[in-house]
Amino acid sequence: MVLLAVLVVYKRPPTALPEDILSLINNAESIELYSLDAYTRDKDLEKFNAREMTATKFHGQTIYGSRRFTDEDHKSRIRKAIIDSAPVIENPFAAACFWPRHGVRFTAGDKHLDLVICFQCVNMQIYSPQREDSIQVTSAGKSVLNRILNAEGIPIEPER
């Protein structure tokens, strides 16, 4: 009985991430973590497409730095941070701002998924060949992503 109670306490809450997105996150062979300049988003995103992505931009945001990970330790920590940050939110609050400081690219074979995350306004944009979507997030994984970026010597834009 006690074991059952312990298992219930540690059960992961349901995620708001769609099943196809969750599958790509869990099966990614590489994960690239980005630190983004929150305040330099391209003004005309309708003109943005994959060919316009340069080494200094990630979905319209200037990149301070990034690091690609293929080792299981980093991939596991990043996956958990993202999934923990995306629970089903019963009463969503939609902030008008969008100042993302984190970006993540998951790659599995020829498939990729990009996430642009603003923990300040609790919003994450999802970009994949199959969908473009937005979900609300919590700041549950923010400190994990920040620690990884800091350990790599990559600066993070402070919140204002």
C-alpha atoms as a PDB file:
ATOM      1  CA  MET A   1       0.000   0.000   0.000  1.00  0.00           C
ATOM      2  CA  VAL A   2       2.822   2.426   0.875  1.00  0.00           C
ATOM      3  CA  LEU A   3       4.601   1.627  -2.410  1.00  0.00           C
ATOM      4  CA  LEU A   4       1.427   2.446  -4.336  1.00  0.00           C
ATOM      5  CA  ALA A   5       1.143   5.785  -2.506  1.00  0.00           C
ATOM      6  CA  VAL A   6       4.773   6.611  -3.345  1.00  0.00           C
ATOM      7  CA  LEU A   7       4.220   5.770  -7.010  1.00  0.00           C
ATOM      8  CA  VAL A   8       1.157   8.005  -7.164  1.00  0.00           C
ATOM      9  CA  VAL A   9       3.127  10.921  -5.695  1.00  0.00           C
ATOM     10  CA  TYR A  10       5.871  10.600  -8.332  1.00  0.00           C
ATOM     11  CA  LYS A  11       3.555  10.043 -11.300  1.00  0.00           C
ATOM     12  CA  ARG A  12       4.260  12.587 -14.047  1.00  0.00           C
ATOM     13  CA  PRO A  13       1.269  14.847 -14.728  1.00  0.00           C
ATOM     14  CA  PRO A  14      -0.302  14.738 -18.182  1.00  0.00           C
ATOM     15  CA  THR A  15       1.489  16.844 -20.755  1.00  0.00           C
ATOM     16  CA  ALA A  16      -0.014  19.402 -23.111  1.00  0.00           C
ATOM     17  CA  LEU A  17       2.456  18.349 -25.798  1.00  0.00           C
ATOM     18  CA  PRO A  18       0.753  16.592 -28.728  1.00  0.00           C
ATOM     19  CA  GLU A  19       1.658  12.909 -29.109  1.00  0.00           C
ATOM     20  CA  ASP A  20       3.597  13.373 -32.388  1.00  0.00           C
ATOM     21  CA  ILE A  21       5.671  16.154 -30.795  1.00  0.00           C
ATOM     22  CA  LEU A  22       6.285  14.108 -27.648  1.00  0.00           C
ATOM     23  CA  SER A  23       7.400  11.161 -29.787  1.00  0.00           C
ATOM     24  CA  LEU A  24       9.964  13.280 -31.637  1.00  0.00           C
ATOM     25  CA  ILE A  25      11.236  14.726 -28.341  1.00  0.00           C
ATOM     26  CA  ASN A  26      11.670  11.247 -26.871  1.00  0.00           C
ATOM     27  CA  ASN A  27      13.341   9.807 -29.985  1.00  0.00           C
ATOM     28  CA  ALA A  28      15.693  12.678 -30.821  1.00  0.00           C
ATOM     29  CA  GLU A  29      19.214  11.606 -31.759  1.00  0.00           C
ATOM     30  CA  SER A  30      20.493  15.130 -31.138  1.00  0.00           C
ATOM     31  CA  ILE A  31      19.200  18.133 -29.253  1.00  0.00           C
ATOM     32  CA  GLU A  32      20.462  21.671 -29.780  1.00  0.00           C
ATOM     33  CA  LEU A  33      19.864  24.161 -26.975  1.00  0.00           C
ATOM     34  CA  TYR A  34      19.846  27.878 -27.836  1.00  0.00           C
ATOM     35  CA  SER A  35      20.127  31.034 -25.758  1.00  0.00           C
ATOM     36  CA  LEU A  36      18.131  33.747 -27.505  1.00  0.00           C
ATOM     37  CA  ASP A  37      18.049  37.525 -27.393  1.00  0.00           C
ATOM     38  CA  ALA A  38      14.495  38.096 -26.219  1.00  0.00           C
ATOM     39  CA  TYR A  39      14.155  41.567 -27.685  1.00  0.00           C
ATOM     40  CA  THR A  40      15.318  41.282 -31.317  1.00  0.00           C
ATOM     41  CA  ARG A  41      12.527  39.257 -32.922  1.00  0.00           C
ATOM     42  CA  ASP A  42      12.171  39.873 -36.648  1.00  0.00           C
ATOM     43  CA  LYS A  43       9.223  42.160 -37.290  1.00  0.00           C
ATOM     44  CA  ASP A  44       7.873  40.430 -40.393  1.00  0.00           C
ATOM     45  CA  LEU A  45       7.682  36.730 -39.581  1.00  0.00           C
ATOM     46  CA  GLU A  46       5.453  36.027 -42.585  1.00  0.00           C
ATOM     47  CA  LYS A  47       8.568  36.388 -44.738  1.00  0.00           C
ATOM     48  CA  PHE A  48      10.530  34.022 -42.525  1.00  0.00           C
ATOM     49  CA  ASN A  49      11.158  30.519 -43.787  1.00  0.00           C
ATOM     50  CA  ALA A  50      13.748  27.783 -43.306  1.00  0.00           C
ATOM     51  CA  ARG A  51      16.039  29.159 -46.048  1.00  0.00           C
ATOM     52  CA  GLU A  52      16.271  32.474 -44.210  1.00  0.00           C
ATOM     53  CA  MET A  53      17.490  30.835 -41.002  1.00  0.00           C
ATOM     54  CA  THR A  54      21.112  31.778 -40.548  1.00  0.00           C
ATOM     55  CA  ALA A  55      23.740  30.943 -37.968  1.00  0.00           C
ATOM     56  CA  THR A  56      22.655  34.004 -35.997  1.00  0.00           C
ATOM     57  CA  LYS A  57      18.855  33.589 -36.067  1.00  0.00           C
ATOM     58  CA  PHE A  58      16.459  30.981 -34.697  1.00  0.00           C
ATOM     59  CA  HIS A  59      12.877  31.607 -35.794  1.00  0.00           C
ATOM     60  CA  GLY A  60      13.494  35.322 -35.945  1.00  0.00           C
ATOM     61  CA  GLN A  61      15.424  35.586 -32.678  1.00  0.00           C
ATOM     62  CA  THR A  62      19.093  36.517 -32.499  1.00  0.00           C
ATOM     63  CA  ILE A  63      21.153  33.656 -31.053  1.00  0.00           C
ATOM     64  CA  TYR A  64      23.564  34.421 -28.203  1.00  0.00           C
ATOM     65  CA  GLY A  65      24.934  30.896 -28.344  1.00  0.00           C
ATOM     66  CA  SER A  66      23.983  27.267 -28.748  1.00  0.00           C
ATOM     67  CA  ARG A  67      25.272  23.772 -28.122  1.00  0.00           C
ATOM     68  CA  ARG A  68      24.312  20.501 -29.797  1.00  0.00           C
ATOM     69  CA  PHE A  69      24.103  17.449 -27.539  1.00  0.00           C
ATOM     70  CA  THR A  70      24.148  13.783 -28.548  1.00  0.00           C
ATOM     71  CA  ASP A  71      25.008  12.246 -25.161  1.00  0.00           C
ATOM     72  CA  GLU A  72      22.155  10.630 -23.237  1.00  0.00           C
ATOM     73  CA  ASP A  73      22.767  12.585 -20.013  1.00  0.00           C
ATOM     74  CA  HIS A  74      22.209  16.022 -21.568  1.00  0.00           C
ATOM     75  CA  LYS A  75      19.420  14.799 -23.854  1.00  0.00           C
ATOM     76  CA  SER A  76      17.585  13.245 -20.907  1.00  0.00           C
ATOM     77  CA  ARG A  77      17.865  16.406 -18.802  1.00  0.00           C
ATOM     78  CA  ILE A  78      16.658  18.639 -21.639  1.00  0.00           C
ATOM     79  CA  ARG A  79      13.766  16.297 -22.507  1.00  0.00           C
ATOM     80  CA  LYS A  80      12.643  16.214 -18.872  1.00  0.00           C
ATOM     81  CA  ALA A  81      12.898  20.015 -18.575  1.00  0.00           C
ATOM     82  CA  ILE A  82      10.685  20.508 -21.624  1.00  0.00           C
ATOM     83  CA  ILE A  83       8.108  17.865 -20.675  1.00  0.00           C
ATOM     84  CA  ASP A  84       7.961  19.065 -17.055  1.00  0.00           C
ATOM     85  CA  SER A  85       7.389  22.620 -18.328  1.00  0.00           C
ATOM     86  CA  ALA A  86       4.402  21.586 -20.454  1.00  0.00           C
ATOM     87  CA  PRO A  87       1.710  20.206 -18.161  1.00  0.00           C
ATOM     88  CA  VAL A  88      -1.956  20.479 -19.045  1.00  0.00           C
ATOM     89  CA  ILE A  89      -2.931  23.889 -17.664  1.00  0.00           C
ATOM     90  CA  GLU A  90      -6.532  24.052 -16.476  1.00  0.00           C
ATOM     91  CA  ASN A  91      -6.916  27.846 -16.383  1.00  0.00           C
ATOM     92  CA  PRO A  92      -4.549  29.212 -19.003  1.00  0.00           C
ATOM     93  CA  PHE A  93      -3.407  32.823 -18.729  1.00  0.00           C
ATOM     94  CA  ALA A  94      -2.314  34.253 -22.050  1.00  0.00           C
ATOM     95  CA  ALA A  95       0.276  37.011 -21.743  1.00  0.00           C
ATOM     96  CA  ALA A  96       0.520  39.562 -24.530  1.00  0.00           C
ATOM     97  CA  CYS A  97       4.326  39.608 -24.544  1.00  0.00           C
ATOM     98  CA  PHE A  98       6.611  37.041 -26.133  1.00  0.00           C
ATOM     99  CA  TRP A  99      10.261  37.516 -25.150  1.00  0.00           C
ATOM    100  CA  PRO A 100      11.798  34.063 -25.556  1.00  0.00           C
ATOM    101  CA  ARG A 101      15.222  33.365 -24.121  1.00  0.00           C
ATOM    102  CA  HIS A 102      15.362  29.637 -24.896  1.00  0.00           C
ATOM    103  CA  GLY A 103      15.160  27.630 -28.090  1.00  0.00           C
ATOM    104  CA  VAL A 104      15.474  23.889 -28.580  1.00  0.00           C
ATOM    105  CA  ARG A 105      15.856  21.840 -31.765  1.00  0.00           C
ATOM    106  CA  PHE A 106      15.156  18.104 -31.580  1.00  0.00           C
ATOM    107  CA  THR A 107      16.407  16.040 -34.529  1.00  0.00           C
ATOM    108  CA  ALA A 108      15.535  12.416 -35.268  1.00  0.00           C
ATOM    109  CA  GLY A 109      16.756  11.226 -38.663  1.00  0.00           C
ATOM    110  CA  ASP A 110      15.410  13.680 -41.240  1.00  0.00           C
ATOM    111  CA  LYS A 111      12.722  15.024 -38.882  1.00  0.00           C
ATOM    112  CA  HIS A 112      13.149  18.041 -36.673  1.00  0.00           C
ATOM    113  CA  LEU A 113      11.154  19.974 -34.121  1.00  0.00           C
ATOM    114  CA  ASP A 114      11.895  23.516 -32.962  1.00  0.00           C
ATOM    115  CA  LEU A 115      10.617  25.026 -29.727  1.00  0.00           C
ATOM    116  CA  VAL A 116      10.885  28.730 -28.916  1.00  0.00           C
ATOM    117  CA  ILE A 117      10.187  29.277 -25.226  1.00  0.00           C
ATOM    118  CA  CYS A 118       9.333  32.351 -23.187  1.00  0.00           C
ATOM    119  CA  PHE A 119       9.234  31.318 -19.538  1.00  0.00           C
ATOM    120  CA  GLN A 120       8.483  34.945 -18.607  1.00  0.00           C
ATOM    121  CA  CYS A 121       5.120  34.981 -20.396  1.00  0.00           C
ATOM    122  CA  VAL A 122       4.642  31.195 -20.041  1.00  0.00           C
ATOM    123  CA  ASN A 123       4.358  30.495 -23.756  1.00  0.00           C
ATOM    124  CA  MET A 124       6.088  28.033 -26.088  1.00  0.00           C
ATOM    125  CA  GLN A 125       5.871  28.091 -29.865  1.00  0.00           C
ATOM    126  CA  ILE A 126       6.149  24.756 -31.678  1.00  0.00           C
ATOM    127  CA  TYR A 127       7.557  24.529 -35.218  1.00  0.00           C
ATOM    128  CA  SER A 128       7.713  21.263 -37.121  1.00  0.00           C
ATOM    129  CA  PRO A 129       7.079  20.258 -40.736  1.00  0.00           C
ATOM    130  CA  GLN A 130       3.711  18.863 -39.561  1.00  0.00           C
ATOM    131  CA  ARG A 131       2.500  21.776 -37.436  1.00  0.00           C
ATOM    132  CA  GLU A 132       2.942  25.220 -36.018  1.00  0.00           C
ATOM    133  CA  ASP A 133       1.315  25.639 -32.647  1.00  0.00           C
ATOM    134  CA  SER A 134       1.602  27.407 -29.332  1.00  0.00           C
ATOM    135  CA  ILE A 135       1.043  26.072 -25.826  1.00  0.00           C
ATOM    136  CA  GLN A 136       1.260  27.495 -22.347  1.00  0.00           C
ATOM    137  CA  VAL A 137       4.118  26.341 -20.152  1.00  0.00           C
ATOM    138  CA  THR A 138       5.346  26.674 -16.603  1.00  0.00           C
ATOM    139  CA  SER A 139       8.855  27.606 -15.524  1.00  0.00           C
ATOM    140  CA  ALA A 140       9.500  24.069 -14.210  1.00  0.00           C
ATOM    141  CA  GLY A 141      12.387  23.382 -16.614  1.00  0.00           C
ATOM    142  CA  LYS A 142      13.834  26.891 -16.852  1.00  0.00           C
ATOM    143  CA  SER A 143      16.547  26.403 -14.205  1.00  0.00           C
ATOM    144  CA  VAL A 144      17.690  23.129 -15.806  1.00  0.00           C
ATOM    145  CA  LEU A 145      18.075  24.754 -19.226  1.00  0.00           C
ATOM    146  CA  ASN A 146      19.823  27.763 -17.673  1.00  0.00           C
ATOM    147  CA  ARG A 147      22.286  25.507 -15.796  1.00  0.00           C
ATOM    148  CA  ILE A 148      23.147  23.654 -19.004  1.00  0.00           C
ATOM    149  CA  LEU A 149      23.688  26.916 -20.915  1.00  0.00           C
ATOM    150  CA  ASN A 150      25.758  28.369 -18.051  1.00  0.00           C
ATOM    151  CA  ALA A 151      27.918  25.226 -17.893  1.00  0.00           C
ATOM    152  CA  GLU A 152      28.657  25.691 -21.611  1.00  0.00           C
ATOM    153  CA  GLY A 153      29.604  29.342 -21.074  1.00  0.00           C
ATOM    154  CA  ILE A 154      26.631  30.596 -23.079  1.00  0.00           C
ATOM    155  CA  PRO A 155      25.131  33.906 -21.870  1.00  0.00           C
ATOM    156  CA  ILE A 156      21.412  34.187 -21.068  1.00  0.00           C
ATOM    157  CA  GLU A 157      19.442  37.424 -21.487  1.00  0.00           C
ATOM    158  CA  PRO A 158      18.290  38.557 -18.024  1.00  0.00           C
ATOM    159  CA  GLU A 159      14.563  39.156 -17.505  1.00  0.00           C
ATOM    160  CA  ARG A 160      13.557  42.809 -17.280  1.00  0.00           C
END
